PDB file of N, CA and C in Angstrom:
ATOM      1  N   MET A   1     -72.202-143.588 -17.508  1.00  0.00           N
ATOM      2  CA  MET A   1     -71.268-142.838 -16.507  1.00  0.00           C
ATOM      3  C   MET A   1     -69.799-143.458 -15.989  1.00  0.00           C
ATOM      4  N   GLN A   2     -68.867-142.955 -16.171  1.00  0.00           N
ATOM      5  CA  GLN A   2     -67.594-143.776 -15.764  1.00  0.00           C
ATOM      6  C   GLN A   2     -66.965-142.729 -15.006  1.00  0.00           C
ATOM      7  N   LEU A   3     -66.330-143.478 -13.927  1.00  0.00           N
ATOM      8  CA  LEU A   3     -65.639-142.245 -13.030  1.00  0.00           C
ATOM      9  C   LEU A   3     -64.170-142.736 -12.888  1.00  0.00           C
ATOM     10  N   ASP A   4     -63.440-141.594 -13.071  1.00  0.00           N
ATOM     11  CA  ASP A   4     -61.672-142.108 -12.708  1.00  0.00           C
ATOM     12  C   ASP A   4     -61.419-141.645 -11.345  1.00  0.00           C
ATOM     13  N   ASN A   5     -61.111-142.917 -10.968  1.00  0.00           N
ATOM     14  CA  ASN A   5     -60.636-143.059  -9.368  1.00  0.00           C
ATOM     15  C   ASN A   5     -59.521-142.555  -9.157  1.00  0.00           C
ATOM     16  N   ASP A   6     -58.671-142.443 -10.183  1.00  0.00           N
ATOM     17  CA  ASP A   6     -57.206-141.989 -10.170  1.00  0.00           C
ATOM     18  C   ASP A   6     -57.123-140.626 -10.320  1.00  0.00           C
ATOM     19  N   SER A   7     -57.712-139.961  -9.841  1.00  0.00           N
ATOM     20  CA  SER A   7     -57.751-138.298  -9.995  1.00  0.00           C
ATOM     21  C   SER A   7     -56.553-137.438  -9.030  1.00  0.00           C
ATOM     22  N   PRO A   8     -55.930-136.933  -9.261  1.00  0.00           N
ATOM     23  CA  PRO A   8     -55.065-135.971  -8.548  1.00  0.00           C
ATOM     24  C   PRO A   8     -55.622-135.255  -7.713  1.00  0.00           C
ATOM     25  N   ARG A   9     -56.961-135.110  -7.792  1.00  0.00           N
ATOM     26  CA  ARG A   9     -57.666-133.839  -7.075  1.00  0.00           C
ATOM     27  C   ARG A   9     -57.997-134.740  -5.618  1.00  0.00           C
ATOM     28  N   VAL A  10     -57.765-133.560  -4.451  1.00  0.00           N
ATOM     29  CA  VAL A  10     -57.636-133.977  -3.020  1.00  0.00           C
ATOM     30  C   VAL A  10     -58.784-133.091  -2.689  1.00  0.00           C
ATOM     31  N   LEU A  11     -60.119-134.227  -1.904  1.00  0.00           N
ATOM     32  CA  LEU A  11     -60.994-133.541  -1.430  1.00  0.00           C
ATOM     33  C   LEU A  11     -61.087-132.382  -0.393  1.00  0.00           C
ATOM     34  N   LYS A  12     -60.166-132.198   0.075  1.00  0.00           N
ATOM     35  CA  LYS A  12     -59.917-131.295   0.911  1.00  0.00           C
ATOM     36  C   LYS A  12     -59.630-129.816   0.254  1.00  0.00           C
ATOM     37  N   ASP A  13     -58.749-130.066  -0.775  1.00  0.00           N
ATOM     38  CA  ASP A  13     -58.470-128.672  -1.585  1.00  0.00           C
ATOM     39  C   ASP A  13     -59.766-128.661  -2.139  1.00  0.00           C
ATOM     40  N   ILE A  14     -60.822-129.125  -2.518  1.00  0.00           N
ATOM     41  CA  ILE A  14     -61.711-128.595  -3.350  1.00  0.00           C
ATOM     42  C   ILE A  14     -62.767-128.078  -2.184  1.00  0.00           C
ATOM     43  N   PHE A  15     -62.843-128.532  -1.140  1.00  0.00           N
ATOM     44  CA  PHE A  15     -63.537-127.761  -0.051  1.00  0.00           C
ATOM     45  C   PHE A  15     -62.995-126.419   0.231  1.00  0.00           C
ATOM     46  N   ASP A  16     -61.921-126.563   0.188  1.00  0.00           N
ATOM     47  CA  ASP A  16     -61.104-125.403   0.609  1.00  0.00           C
ATOM     48  C   ASP A  16     -61.364-124.284  -0.395  1.00  0.00           C
ATOM     49  N   GLU A  17     -61.427-124.739  -1.447  1.00  0.00           N
ATOM     50  CA  GLU A  17     -61.631-123.779  -2.790  1.00  0.00           C
ATOM     51  C   GLU A  17     -62.816-123.048  -2.801  1.00  0.00           C
ATOM     52  N   TYR A  18     -63.928-123.456  -2.192  1.00  0.00           N
ATOM     53  CA  TYR A  18     -65.293-123.051  -2.132  1.00  0.00           C
ATOM     54  C   TYR A  18     -65.741-122.515  -0.672  1.00  0.00           C
ATOM     55  N   SER A  19     -64.912-123.059   0.319  1.00  0.00           N
ATOM     56  CA  SER A  19     -65.581-122.331   1.646  1.00  0.00           C
ATOM     57  C   SER A  19     -65.082-121.319   2.041  1.00  0.00           C
ATOM     58  N   GLY A  20     -65.374-120.549   3.035  1.00  0.00           N
ATOM     59  CA  GLY A  20     -64.739-119.544   3.656  1.00  0.00           C
ATOM     60  C   GLY A  20     -64.055-119.801   4.916  1.00  0.00           C
ATOM     61  N   GLU A  21     -63.612-118.926   5.730  1.00  0.00           N
ATOM     62  CA  GLU A  21     -63.287-118.946   7.278  1.00  0.00           C
ATOM     63  C   GLU A  21     -64.210-120.176   7.897  1.00  0.00           C
ATOM     64  N   ASP A  22     -65.293-119.699   7.866  1.00  0.00           N
ATOM     65  CA  ASP A  22     -66.296-120.259   9.033  1.00  0.00           C
ATOM     66  C   ASP A  22     -66.731-121.853   8.275  1.00  0.00           C
ATOM     67  N   TYR A  23     -66.069-122.267   7.028  1.00  0.00           N
ATOM     68  CA  TYR A  23     -66.511-123.658   6.600  1.00  0.00           C
ATOM     69  C   TYR A  23     -67.446-123.600   5.870  1.00  0.00           C
ATOM     70  N   GLY A  24     -68.226-122.703   5.980  1.00  0.00           N
ATOM     71  CA  GLY A  24     -69.634-122.434   5.023  1.00  0.00           C
ATOM     72  C   GLY A  24     -69.287-122.409   3.365  1.00  0.00           C
ATOM     73  N   PHE A  25     -70.042-122.886   2.723  1.00  0.00           N
ATOM     74  CA  PHE A  25     -69.896-122.740   1.131  1.00  0.00           C
ATOM     75  C   PHE A  25     -70.376-121.523   0.620  1.00  0.00           C
ATOM     76  N   ASP A  26     -69.143-120.449   0.625  1.00  0.00           N
ATOM     77  CA  ASP A  26     -69.859-119.007   0.308  1.00  0.00           C
ATOM     78  C   ASP A  26     -69.207-118.762  -0.898  1.00  0.00           C
ATOM     79  N   LYS A  27     -68.965-119.488  -1.787  1.00  0.00           N
ATOM     80  CA  LYS A  27     -67.950-119.066  -3.280  1.00  0.00           C
ATOM     81  C   LYS A  27     -68.838-119.917  -4.131  1.00  0.00           C
ATOM     82  N   THR A  28     -68.867-119.494  -4.982  1.00  0.00           N
ATOM     83  CA  THR A  28     -69.267-120.234  -6.253  1.00  0.00           C
ATOM     84  C   THR A  28     -68.935-119.771  -7.745  1.00  0.00           C
ATOM     85  N   VAL A  29     -68.877-120.456  -8.590  1.00  0.00           N
ATOM     86  CA  VAL A  29     -68.407-120.151 -10.019  1.00  0.00           C
ATOM     87  C   VAL A  29     -69.685-120.341 -10.799  1.00  0.00           C
ATOM     88  N   VAL A  30     -70.173-119.343 -11.664  1.00  0.00           N
ATOM     89  CA  VAL A  30     -71.471-119.316 -12.511  1.00  0.00           C
ATOM     90  C   VAL A  30     -70.940-119.382 -13.856  1.00  0.00           C
ATOM     91  N   PRO A  31     -71.129-120.588 -14.784  1.00  0.00           N
ATOM     92  CA  PRO A  31     -70.865-120.588 -15.939  1.00  0.00           C
ATOM     93  C   PRO A  31     -71.897-119.885 -16.972  1.00  0.00           C
ATOM     94  N   ILE A  32     -71.354-118.820 -17.293  1.00  0.00           N
ATOM     95  CA  ILE A  32     -72.461-118.028 -18.190  1.00  0.00           C
ATOM     96  C   ILE A  32     -72.912-118.853 -19.303  1.00  0.00           C
ATOM     97  N   GLU A  33     -71.833-119.655 -19.921  1.00  0.00           N
ATOM     98  CA  GLU A  33     -72.397-120.087 -21.443  1.00  0.00           C
ATOM     99  C   GLU A  33     -73.824-120.836 -21.029  1.00  0.00           C
ATOM    100  N   LEU A  34     -73.934-121.391 -19.885  1.00  0.00           N
ATOM    101  CA  LEU A  34     -74.940-122.106 -19.617  1.00  0.00           C
ATOM    102  C   LEU A  34     -76.380-121.450 -19.630  1.00  0.00           C
ATOM    103  N   ALA A  35     -76.346-120.196 -19.641  1.00  0.00           N
ATOM    104  CA  ALA A  35     -77.482-119.492 -19.561  1.00  0.00           C
ATOM    105  C   ALA A  35     -78.208-119.216 -20.925  1.00  0.00           C
ATOM    106  N   LYS A  36     -77.293-119.387 -21.960  1.00  0.00           N
ATOM    107  CA  LYS A  36     -77.462-119.384 -23.267  1.00  0.00           C
ATOM    108  C   LYS A  36     -78.697-120.548 -23.854  1.00  0.00           C
ATOM    109  N   TYR A  37     -79.554-119.873 -24.457  1.00  0.00           N
ATOM    110  CA  TYR A  37     -80.457-121.021 -24.972  1.00  0.00           C
ATOM    111  C   TYR A  37     -80.193-120.985 -26.642  1.00  0.00           C
ATOM    112  N   GLY A  38     -79.421-122.379 -26.969  1.00  0.00           N
ATOM    113  CA  GLY A  38     -79.052-122.228 -28.696  1.00  0.00           C
ATOM    114  C   GLY A  38     -78.160-121.371 -28.938  1.00  0.00           C
ATOM    115  N   ASP A  39     -78.469-120.518 -29.769  1.00  0.00           N
ATOM    116  CA  ASP A  39     -77.469-119.489 -30.310  1.00  0.00           C
ATOM    117  C   ASP A  39     -77.603-118.372 -29.962  1.00  0.00           C
ATOM    118  N   GLU A  40     -78.662-117.995 -28.972  1.00  0.00           N
ATOM    119  CA  GLU A  40     -79.285-116.593 -28.600  1.00  0.00           C
ATOM    120  C   GLU A  40     -77.827-116.031 -27.974  1.00  0.00           C
ATOM    121  N   ASN A  41     -78.229-114.453 -28.359  1.00  0.00           N
ATOM    122  CA  ASN A  41     -76.857-113.783 -27.207  1.00  0.00           C
ATOM    123  C   ASN A  41     -77.693-113.324 -25.948  1.00  0.00           C
ATOM    124  N   LEU A  42     -76.702-113.162 -25.042  1.00  0.00           N
ATOM    125  CA  LEU A  42     -77.263-112.728 -23.811  1.00  0.00           C
ATOM    126  C   LEU A  42     -76.902-110.994 -23.573  1.00  0.00           C
ATOM    127  N   VAL A  43     -78.231-110.556 -23.685  1.00  0.00           N
ATOM    128  CA  VAL A  43     -78.520-109.171 -24.184  1.00  0.00           C
ATOM    129  C   VAL A  43     -79.279-108.315 -23.066  1.00  0.00           C
ATOM    130  N   SER A  44     -80.479-109.275 -22.422  1.00  0.00           N
ATOM    131  CA  SER A  44     -81.360-108.687 -21.633  1.00  0.00           C
ATOM    132  C   SER A  44     -81.176-108.849 -19.959  1.00  0.00           C
ATOM    133  N   ARG A  45     -81.978-107.797 -19.508  1.00  0.00           N
ATOM    134  CA  ARG A  45     -81.821-107.973 -18.015  1.00  0.00           C
ATOM    135  C   ARG A  45     -82.530-109.137 -17.306  1.00  0.00           C
ATOM    136  N   SER A  46     -83.662-109.626 -18.161  1.00  0.00           N
ATOM    137  CA  SER A  46     -83.980-110.844 -17.720  1.00  0.00           C
ATOM    138  C   SER A  46     -83.465-112.327 -17.623  1.00  0.00           C
ATOM    139  N   GLN A  47     -82.551-112.239 -19.152  1.00  0.00           N
ATOM    140  CA  GLN A  47     -81.578-113.151 -18.956  1.00  0.00           C
ATOM    141  C   GLN A  47     -80.544-113.146 -17.738  1.00  0.00           C
ATOM    142  N   ALA A  48     -80.317-111.939 -17.555  1.00  0.00           N
ATOM    143  CA  ALA A  48     -79.153-111.430 -16.457  1.00  0.00           C
ATOM    144  C   ALA A  48     -80.028-112.054 -15.118  1.00  0.00           C
ATOM    145  N   ARG A  49     -81.085-111.586 -14.860  1.00  0.00           N
ATOM    146  CA  ARG A  49     -81.855-112.060 -13.440  1.00  0.00           C
ATOM    147  C   ARG A  49     -81.750-113.518 -13.642  1.00  0.00           C
ATOM    148  N   ARG A  50     -82.044-114.626 -14.847  1.00  0.00           N
ATOM    149  CA  ARG A  50     -81.894-115.836 -14.829  1.00  0.00           C
ATOM    150  C   ARG A  50     -80.649-116.493 -13.765  1.00  0.00           C
ATOM    151  N   VAL A  51     -79.597-116.006 -14.734  1.00  0.00           N
ATOM    152  CA  VAL A  51     -78.211-116.120 -14.085  1.00  0.00           C
ATOM    153  C   VAL A  51     -77.961-115.847 -12.563  1.00  0.00           C
ATOM    154  N   LEU A  52     -78.811-114.694 -12.517  1.00  0.00           N
ATOM    155  CA  LEU A  52     -78.288-114.049 -10.965  1.00  0.00           C
ATOM    156  C   LEU A  52     -79.183-114.831  -9.770  1.00  0.00           C
ATOM    157  N   ASN A  53     -80.361-115.952 -10.271  1.00  0.00           N
ATOM    158  CA  ASN A  53     -80.824-116.710  -9.309  1.00  0.00           C
ATOM    159  C   ASN A  53     -80.220-117.520  -8.204  1.00  0.00           C
ATOM    160  N   ARG A  54     -80.515-117.077  -7.015  1.00  0.00           N
ATOM    161  CA  ARG A  54     -79.626-117.517  -5.665  1.00  0.00           C
ATOM    162  C   ARG A  54     -78.131-117.165  -5.681  1.00  0.00           C
ATOM    163  N   VAL A  55     -77.765-116.427  -6.504  1.00  0.00           N
ATOM    164  CA  VAL A  55     -76.499-116.202  -6.149  1.00  0.00           C
ATOM    165  C   VAL A  55     -76.074-115.234  -4.947  1.00  0.00           C
ATOM    166  N   ASN A  56     -77.237-114.631  -4.535  1.00  0.00           N
ATOM    167  CA  ASN A  56     -77.334-113.657  -3.315  1.00  0.00           C
ATOM    168  C   ASN A  56     -76.981-114.351  -2.068  1.00  0.00           C
ATOM    169  N   LEU A  57     -76.823-115.588  -2.083  1.00  0.00           N
ATOM    170  CA  LEU A  57     -77.010-116.878  -1.070  1.00  0.00           C
ATOM    171  C   LEU A  57     -75.262-116.937  -0.782  1.00  0.00           C
ATOM    172  N   PHE A  58     -74.235-116.496  -1.440  1.00  0.00           N
ATOM    173  CA  PHE A  58     -73.230-116.718  -1.678  1.00  0.00           C
ATOM    174  C   PHE A  58     -72.568-115.305  -1.332  1.00  0.00           C
ATOM    175  N   LYS A  59     -70.975-115.302  -0.602  1.00  0.00           N
ATOM    176  CA  LYS A  59     -70.382-114.005  -0.381  1.00  0.00           C
ATOM    177  C   LYS A  59     -69.526-113.480  -1.643  1.00  0.00           C
ATOM    178  N   TYR A  60     -68.958-114.743  -2.613  1.00  0.00           N
ATOM    179  CA  TYR A  60     -68.319-114.291  -3.620  1.00  0.00           C
ATOM    180  C   TYR A  60     -68.726-115.162  -4.763  1.00  0.00           C
ATOM    181  N   VAL A  61     -68.849-114.695  -5.593  1.00  0.00           N
ATOM    182  CA  VAL A  61     -69.380-115.114  -7.004  1.00  0.00           C
ATOM    183  C   VAL A  61     -68.416-114.650  -8.140  1.00  0.00           C
ATOM    184  N   ILE A  62     -68.058-115.524  -8.774  1.00  0.00           N
ATOM    185  CA  ILE A  62     -67.328-115.791  -9.939  1.00  0.00           C
ATOM    186  C   ILE A  62     -68.212-116.026 -11.110  1.00  0.00           C
ATOM    187  N   PHE A  63     -68.487-115.136 -12.268  1.00  0.00           N
ATOM    188  CA  PHE A  63     -69.022-115.523 -13.487  1.00  0.00           C
ATOM    189  C   PHE A  63     -67.772-116.041 -14.452  1.00  0.00           C
ATOM    190  N   ASP A  64     -68.014-116.871 -15.126  1.00  0.00           N
ATOM    191  CA  ASP A  64     -67.041-117.554 -16.065  1.00  0.00           C
ATOM    192  C   ASP A  64     -67.447-117.360 -17.332  1.00  0.00           C
ATOM    193  N   PHE A  65     -66.793-116.512 -18.141  1.00  0.00           N
ATOM    194  CA  PHE A  65     -67.369-116.091 -19.689  1.00  0.00           C
ATOM    195  C   PHE A  65     -66.853-116.826 -20.675  1.00  0.00           C
ATOM    196  N   ASP A  66     -66.217-118.037 -20.449  1.00  0.00           N
ATOM    197  CA  ASP A  66     -65.753-118.952 -21.100  1.00  0.00           C
ATOM    198  C   ASP A  66     -66.691-119.239 -22.494  1.00  0.00           C
ATOM    199  N   ASN A  67     -66.322-119.241 -23.450  1.00  0.00           N
ATOM    200  CA  ASN A  67     -67.135-119.434 -24.850  1.00  0.00           C
ATOM    201  C   ASN A  67     -68.472-118.480 -25.027  1.00  0.00           C
ATOM    202  N   VAL A  68     -68.386-117.379 -24.412  1.00  0.00           N
ATOM    203  CA  VAL A  68     -69.316-116.424 -24.483  1.00  0.00           C
ATOM    204  C   VAL A  68     -68.330-115.159 -25.264  1.00  0.00           C
ATOM    205  N   PRO A  69     -68.887-115.276 -26.427  1.00  0.00           N
ATOM    206  CA  PRO A  69     -68.256-114.015 -27.415  1.00  0.00           C
ATOM    207  C   PRO A  69     -68.687-112.834 -27.185  1.00  0.00           C
ATOM    208  N   GLN A  70     -70.018-112.725 -26.568  1.00  0.00           N
ATOM    209  CA  GLN A  70     -70.062-111.097 -26.226  1.00  0.00           C
ATOM    210  C   GLN A  70     -71.641-111.042 -25.334  1.00  0.00           C
ATOM    211  N   ILE A  71     -71.967-110.091 -24.543  1.00  0.00           N
ATOM    212  CA  ILE A  71     -73.089-109.575 -23.946  1.00  0.00           C
ATOM    213  C   ILE A  71     -73.664-108.382 -24.324  1.00  0.00           C
ATOM    214  N   GLY A  72     -74.549-108.495 -24.096  1.00  0.00           N
ATOM    215  CA  GLY A  72     -75.510-106.565 -24.036  1.00  0.00           C
ATOM    216  C   GLY A  72     -74.971-106.084 -22.860  1.00  0.00           C
ATOM    217  N   GLN A  73     -75.378-104.441 -23.324  1.00  0.00           N
ATOM    218  CA  GLN A  73     -75.113-103.546 -22.079  1.00  0.00           C
ATOM    219  C   GLN A  73     -76.302-103.992 -21.101  1.00  0.00           C
ATOM    220  N   ALA A  74     -77.366-104.324 -21.201  1.00  0.00           N
ATOM    221  CA  ALA A  74     -78.551-104.606 -20.198  1.00  0.00           C
ATOM    222  C   ALA A  74     -78.011-105.340 -19.495  1.00  0.00           C
ATOM    223  N   PHE A  75     -77.743-106.781 -20.021  1.00  0.00           N
ATOM    224  CA  PHE A  75     -77.119-108.054 -19.129  1.00  0.00           C
ATOM    225  C   PHE A  75     -76.116-107.463 -18.323  1.00  0.00           C
ATOM    226  N   ALA A  76     -75.246-106.829 -18.739  1.00  0.00           N
ATOM    227  CA  ALA A  76     -74.082-106.638 -17.911  1.00  0.00           C
ATOM    228  C   ALA A  76     -74.479-105.452 -17.033  1.00  0.00           C
ATOM    229  N   ASP A  77     -75.009-104.763 -17.141  1.00  0.00           N
ATOM    230  CA  ASP A  77     -75.721-103.573 -16.105  1.00  0.00           C
ATOM    231  C   ASP A  77     -76.395-104.321 -15.000  1.00  0.00           C
ATOM    232  N   GLU A  78     -77.213-105.253 -15.370  1.00  0.00           N
ATOM    233  CA  GLU A  78     -78.357-105.945 -14.338  1.00  0.00           C
ATOM    234  C   GLU A  78     -77.314-106.562 -13.176  1.00  0.00           C
ATOM    235  N   ILE A  79     -76.399-107.493 -13.924  1.00  0.00           N
ATOM    236  CA  ILE A  79     -75.352-107.967 -13.245  1.00  0.00           C
ATOM    237  C   ILE A  79     -74.564-107.186 -12.153  1.00  0.00           C
ATOM    238  N   PHE A  80     -73.578-105.996 -12.908  1.00  0.00           N
ATOM    239  CA  PHE A  80     -72.734-105.529 -12.319  1.00  0.00           C
ATOM    240  C   PHE A  80     -72.897-104.109 -11.763  1.00  0.00           C
ATOM    241  N   ARG A  81     -74.256-103.664 -11.841  1.00  0.00           N
ATOM    242  CA  ARG A  81     -74.702-102.710 -11.148  1.00  0.00           C
ATOM    243  C   ARG A  81     -75.816-102.641 -10.442  1.00  0.00           C
ATOM    244  N   VAL A  82     -76.603-103.077 -10.884  1.00  0.00           N
ATOM    245  CA  VAL A  82     -78.118-103.163 -10.403  1.00  0.00           C
ATOM    246  C   VAL A  82     -77.873-104.514  -9.195  1.00  0.00           C
ATOM    247  N   PHE A  83     -77.545-105.564  -9.381  1.00  0.00           N
ATOM    248  CA  PHE A  83     -77.496-106.677  -8.431  1.00  0.00           C
ATOM    249  C   PHE A  83     -76.293-106.126  -7.455  1.00  0.00           C
ATOM    250  N   ALA A  84     -74.816-105.733  -7.799  1.00  0.00           N
ATOM    251  CA  ALA A  84     -73.970-105.221  -7.236  1.00  0.00           C
ATOM    252  C   ALA A  84     -74.423-104.226  -6.136  1.00  0.00           C
ATOM    253  N   ASN A  85     -75.661-103.317  -6.325  1.00  0.00           N
ATOM    254  CA  ASN A  85     -75.777-102.185  -5.580  1.00  0.00           C
ATOM    255  C   ASN A  85     -76.467-102.812  -4.362  1.00  0.00           C
ATOM    256  N   ALA A  86     -77.932-103.715  -5.208  1.00  0.00           N
ATOM    257  CA  ALA A  86     -78.487-104.310  -4.071  1.00  0.00           C
ATOM    258  C   ALA A  86     -78.030-105.467  -3.040  1.00  0.00           C
ATOM    259  N   ASN A  87     -77.083-105.819  -3.300  1.00  0.00           N
ATOM    260  CA  ASN A  87     -76.259-106.979  -2.541  1.00  0.00           C
ATOM    261  C   ASN A  87     -74.906-106.537  -2.427  1.00  0.00           C
ATOM    262  N   PRO A  88     -74.529-105.634  -1.726  1.00  0.00           N
ATOM    263  CA  PRO A  88     -73.368-105.139  -1.355  1.00  0.00           C
ATOM    264  C   PRO A  88     -72.349-106.049  -0.667  1.00  0.00           C
ATOM    265  N   GLY A  89     -73.153-106.948   0.129  1.00  0.00           N
ATOM    266  CA  GLY A  89     -72.097-108.050   0.891  1.00  0.00           C
ATOM    267  C   GLY A  89     -71.550-109.308   0.126  1.00  0.00           C
ATOM    268  N   VAL A  90     -71.987-109.115  -1.396  1.00  0.00           N
ATOM    269  CA  VAL A  90     -71.596-110.324  -2.445  1.00  0.00           C
ATOM    270  C   VAL A  90     -70.796-109.691  -3.068  1.00  0.00           C
ATOM    271  N   LYS A  91     -69.411-110.525  -3.038  1.00  0.00           N
ATOM    272  CA  LYS A  91     -68.329-109.813  -3.943  1.00  0.00           C
ATOM    273  C   LYS A  91     -68.612-110.613  -5.086  1.00  0.00           C
ATOM    274  N   LEU A  92     -68.360-109.750  -6.421  1.00  0.00           N
ATOM    275  CA  LEU A  92     -68.505-110.099  -7.913  1.00  0.00           C
ATOM    276  C   LEU A  92     -67.371-110.053  -8.629  1.00  0.00           C
ATOM    277  N   ASP A  93     -67.120-111.075  -9.300  1.00  0.00           N
ATOM    278  CA  ASP A  93     -65.623-110.994 -10.103  1.00  0.00           C
ATOM    279  C   ASP A  93     -66.107-111.927 -11.316  1.00  0.00           C
ATOM    280  N   TYR A  94     -65.046-111.967 -12.328  1.00  0.00           N
ATOM    281  CA  TYR A  94     -65.306-112.669 -13.935  1.00  0.00           C
ATOM    282  C   TYR A  94     -64.212-113.024 -14.273  1.00  0.00           C
ATOM    283  N   ILE A  95     -64.056-114.085 -14.834  1.00  0.00           N
ATOM    284  CA  ILE A  95     -62.994-115.075 -15.516  1.00  0.00           C
ATOM    285  C   ILE A  95     -63.475-115.183 -16.844  1.00  0.00           C
ATOM    286  N   ASN A  96     -62.168-115.296 -17.678  1.00  0.00           N
ATOM    287  CA  ASN A  96     -62.036-115.967 -19.110  1.00  0.00           C
ATOM    288  C   ASN A  96     -63.571-114.838 -20.052  1.00  0.00           C
ATOM    289  N   ALA A  97     -63.313-113.641 -19.492  1.00  0.00           N
ATOM    290  CA  ALA A  97     -64.013-112.926 -20.331  1.00  0.00           C
ATOM    291  C   ALA A  97     -63.157-112.159 -21.789  1.00  0.00           C
ATOM    292  N   ASN A  98     -63.430-112.200 -22.874  1.00  0.00           N
ATOM    293  CA  ASN A  98     -62.743-111.594 -23.971  1.00  0.00           C
ATOM    294  C   ASN A  98     -62.839-109.936 -24.006  1.00  0.00           C
ATOM    295  N   GLY A  99     -62.263-109.483 -24.605  1.00  0.00           N
ATOM    296  CA  GLY A  99     -62.236-108.062 -25.052  1.00  0.00           C
ATOM    297  C   GLY A  99     -63.777-107.736 -25.048  1.00  0.00           C
ATOM    298  N   ASN A 100     -64.652-107.944 -25.801  1.00  0.00           N
ATOM    299  CA  ASN A 100     -65.974-107.585 -25.842  1.00  0.00           C
ATOM    300  C   ASN A 100     -66.863-107.806 -24.730  1.00  0.00           C
ATOM    301  N   VAL A 101     -66.740-108.521 -24.020  1.00  0.00           N
ATOM    302  CA  VAL A 101     -67.493-108.805 -22.950  1.00  0.00           C
ATOM    303  C   VAL A 101     -66.977-108.082 -21.651  1.00  0.00           C
ATOM    304  N   THR A 102     -65.610-107.820 -21.754  1.00  0.00           N
ATOM    305  CA  THR A 102     -64.659-107.083 -20.659  1.00  0.00           C
ATOM    306  C   THR A 102     -65.304-105.524 -20.800  1.00  0.00           C
ATOM    307  N   ALA A 103     -65.357-105.237 -21.832  1.00  0.00           N
ATOM    308  CA  ALA A 103     -65.857-103.774 -22.212  1.00  0.00           C
ATOM    309  C   ALA A 103     -67.055-103.454 -21.769  1.00  0.00           C
ATOM    310  N   MET A 104     -68.055-104.262 -21.950  1.00  0.00           N
ATOM    311  CA  MET A 104     -69.312-104.317 -21.637  1.00  0.00           C
ATOM    312  C   MET A 104     -69.390-104.280 -19.802  1.00  0.00           C
ATOM    313  N   ILE A 105     -68.465-105.208 -19.100  1.00  0.00           N
ATOM    314  CA  ILE A 105     -68.638-105.315 -17.930  1.00  0.00           C
ATOM    315  C   ILE A 105     -68.123-103.886 -17.348  1.00  0.00           C
ATOM    316  N   ASN A 106     -66.974-103.260 -17.827  1.00  0.00           N
ATOM    317  CA  ASN A 106     -66.283-102.044 -17.311  1.00  0.00           C
ATOM    318  C   ASN A 106     -67.165-101.046 -17.526  1.00  0.00           C
ATOM    319  N   ARG A 107     -67.973-100.991 -18.453  1.00  0.00           N
ATOM    320  CA  ARG A 107     -69.108 -99.978 -18.711  1.00  0.00           C
ATOM    321  C   ARG A 107     -69.833 -99.961 -17.562  1.00  0.00           C
ATOM    322  N   ALA A 108     -70.608-101.191 -17.382  1.00  0.00           N
ATOM    323  CA  ALA A 108     -71.421-101.249 -16.308  1.00  0.00           C
ATOM    324  C   ALA A 108     -71.005-100.794 -14.796  1.00  0.00           C
ATOM    325  N   LYS A 109     -69.464-100.970 -14.441  1.00  0.00           N
ATOM    326  CA  LYS A 109     -68.958-100.686 -13.197  1.00  0.00           C
ATOM    327  C   LYS A 109     -68.935 -99.287 -13.284  1.00  0.00           C
ATOM    328  N   VAL A 110     -68.261 -98.496 -14.332  1.00  0.00           N
ATOM    329  CA  VAL A 110     -68.066 -97.162 -14.593  1.00  0.00           C
ATOM    330  C   VAL A 110     -69.342 -96.432 -14.040  1.00  0.00           C
ATOM    331  N   SER A 111     -70.739 -96.834 -14.787  1.00  0.00           N
ATOM    332  CA  SER A 111     -71.610 -96.265 -14.504  1.00  0.00           C
ATOM    333  C   SER A 111     -72.338 -96.369 -13.141  1.00  0.00           C
ATOM    334  N   ASN A 112     -71.901 -97.467 -12.418  1.00  0.00           N
ATOM    335  CA  ASN A 112     -71.923 -97.668 -10.920  1.00  0.00           C
ATOM    336  C   ASN A 112     -71.300 -96.739 -10.464  1.00  0.00           C
ATOM    337  N   ILE A 113     -70.126 -96.417 -10.373  1.00  0.00           N
ATOM    338  CA  ILE A 113     -69.122 -95.399  -9.936  1.00  0.00           C
ATOM    339  C   ILE A 113     -69.991 -94.165 -10.038  1.00  0.00           C
ATOM    340  N   ASN A 114     -70.178 -93.755 -11.121  1.00  0.00           N
ATOM    341  CA  ASN A 114     -70.496 -92.418 -11.568  1.00  0.00           C
ATOM    342  C   ASN A 114     -71.966 -92.031 -10.778  1.00  0.00           C
ATOM    343  N   GLU A 115     -72.635 -93.254 -10.507  1.00  0.00           N
ATOM    344  CA  GLU A 115     -73.944 -92.797  -9.468  1.00  0.00           C
ATOM    345  C   GLU A 115     -73.559 -92.508  -7.949  1.00  0.00           C
ATOM    346  N   LEU A 116     -72.700 -93.170  -7.679  1.00  0.00           N
ATOM    347  CA  LEU A 116     -72.306 -92.582  -6.215  1.00  0.00           C
ATOM    348  C   LEU A 116     -71.883 -91.224  -6.023  1.00  0.00           C
TER     349      LEU A 116
END
């Protein structure tokens, strides 16, 4: 392993990015690509529950869908409807989602609204 000691990043900026007003680490970014085993698609509720392991400990969770070409309806529903309803104090957001992934997320969110 080799470290670059000339990084322009500042430690305070990194802490500020992942901590809230009370200085606790209350924000996390979850790289969804790491939930895949090999070439499998992320389609099931059990896969979503693996991704959700311990995210309820944070106030703000960002799911990063970089290099994830598609997800299944059950996967999206488990995160953006079921988990969201069970954990109203956790704000969920997502980044780097393509059109297919965004459509599935929006479908799950719309079904969440229709239940109210």
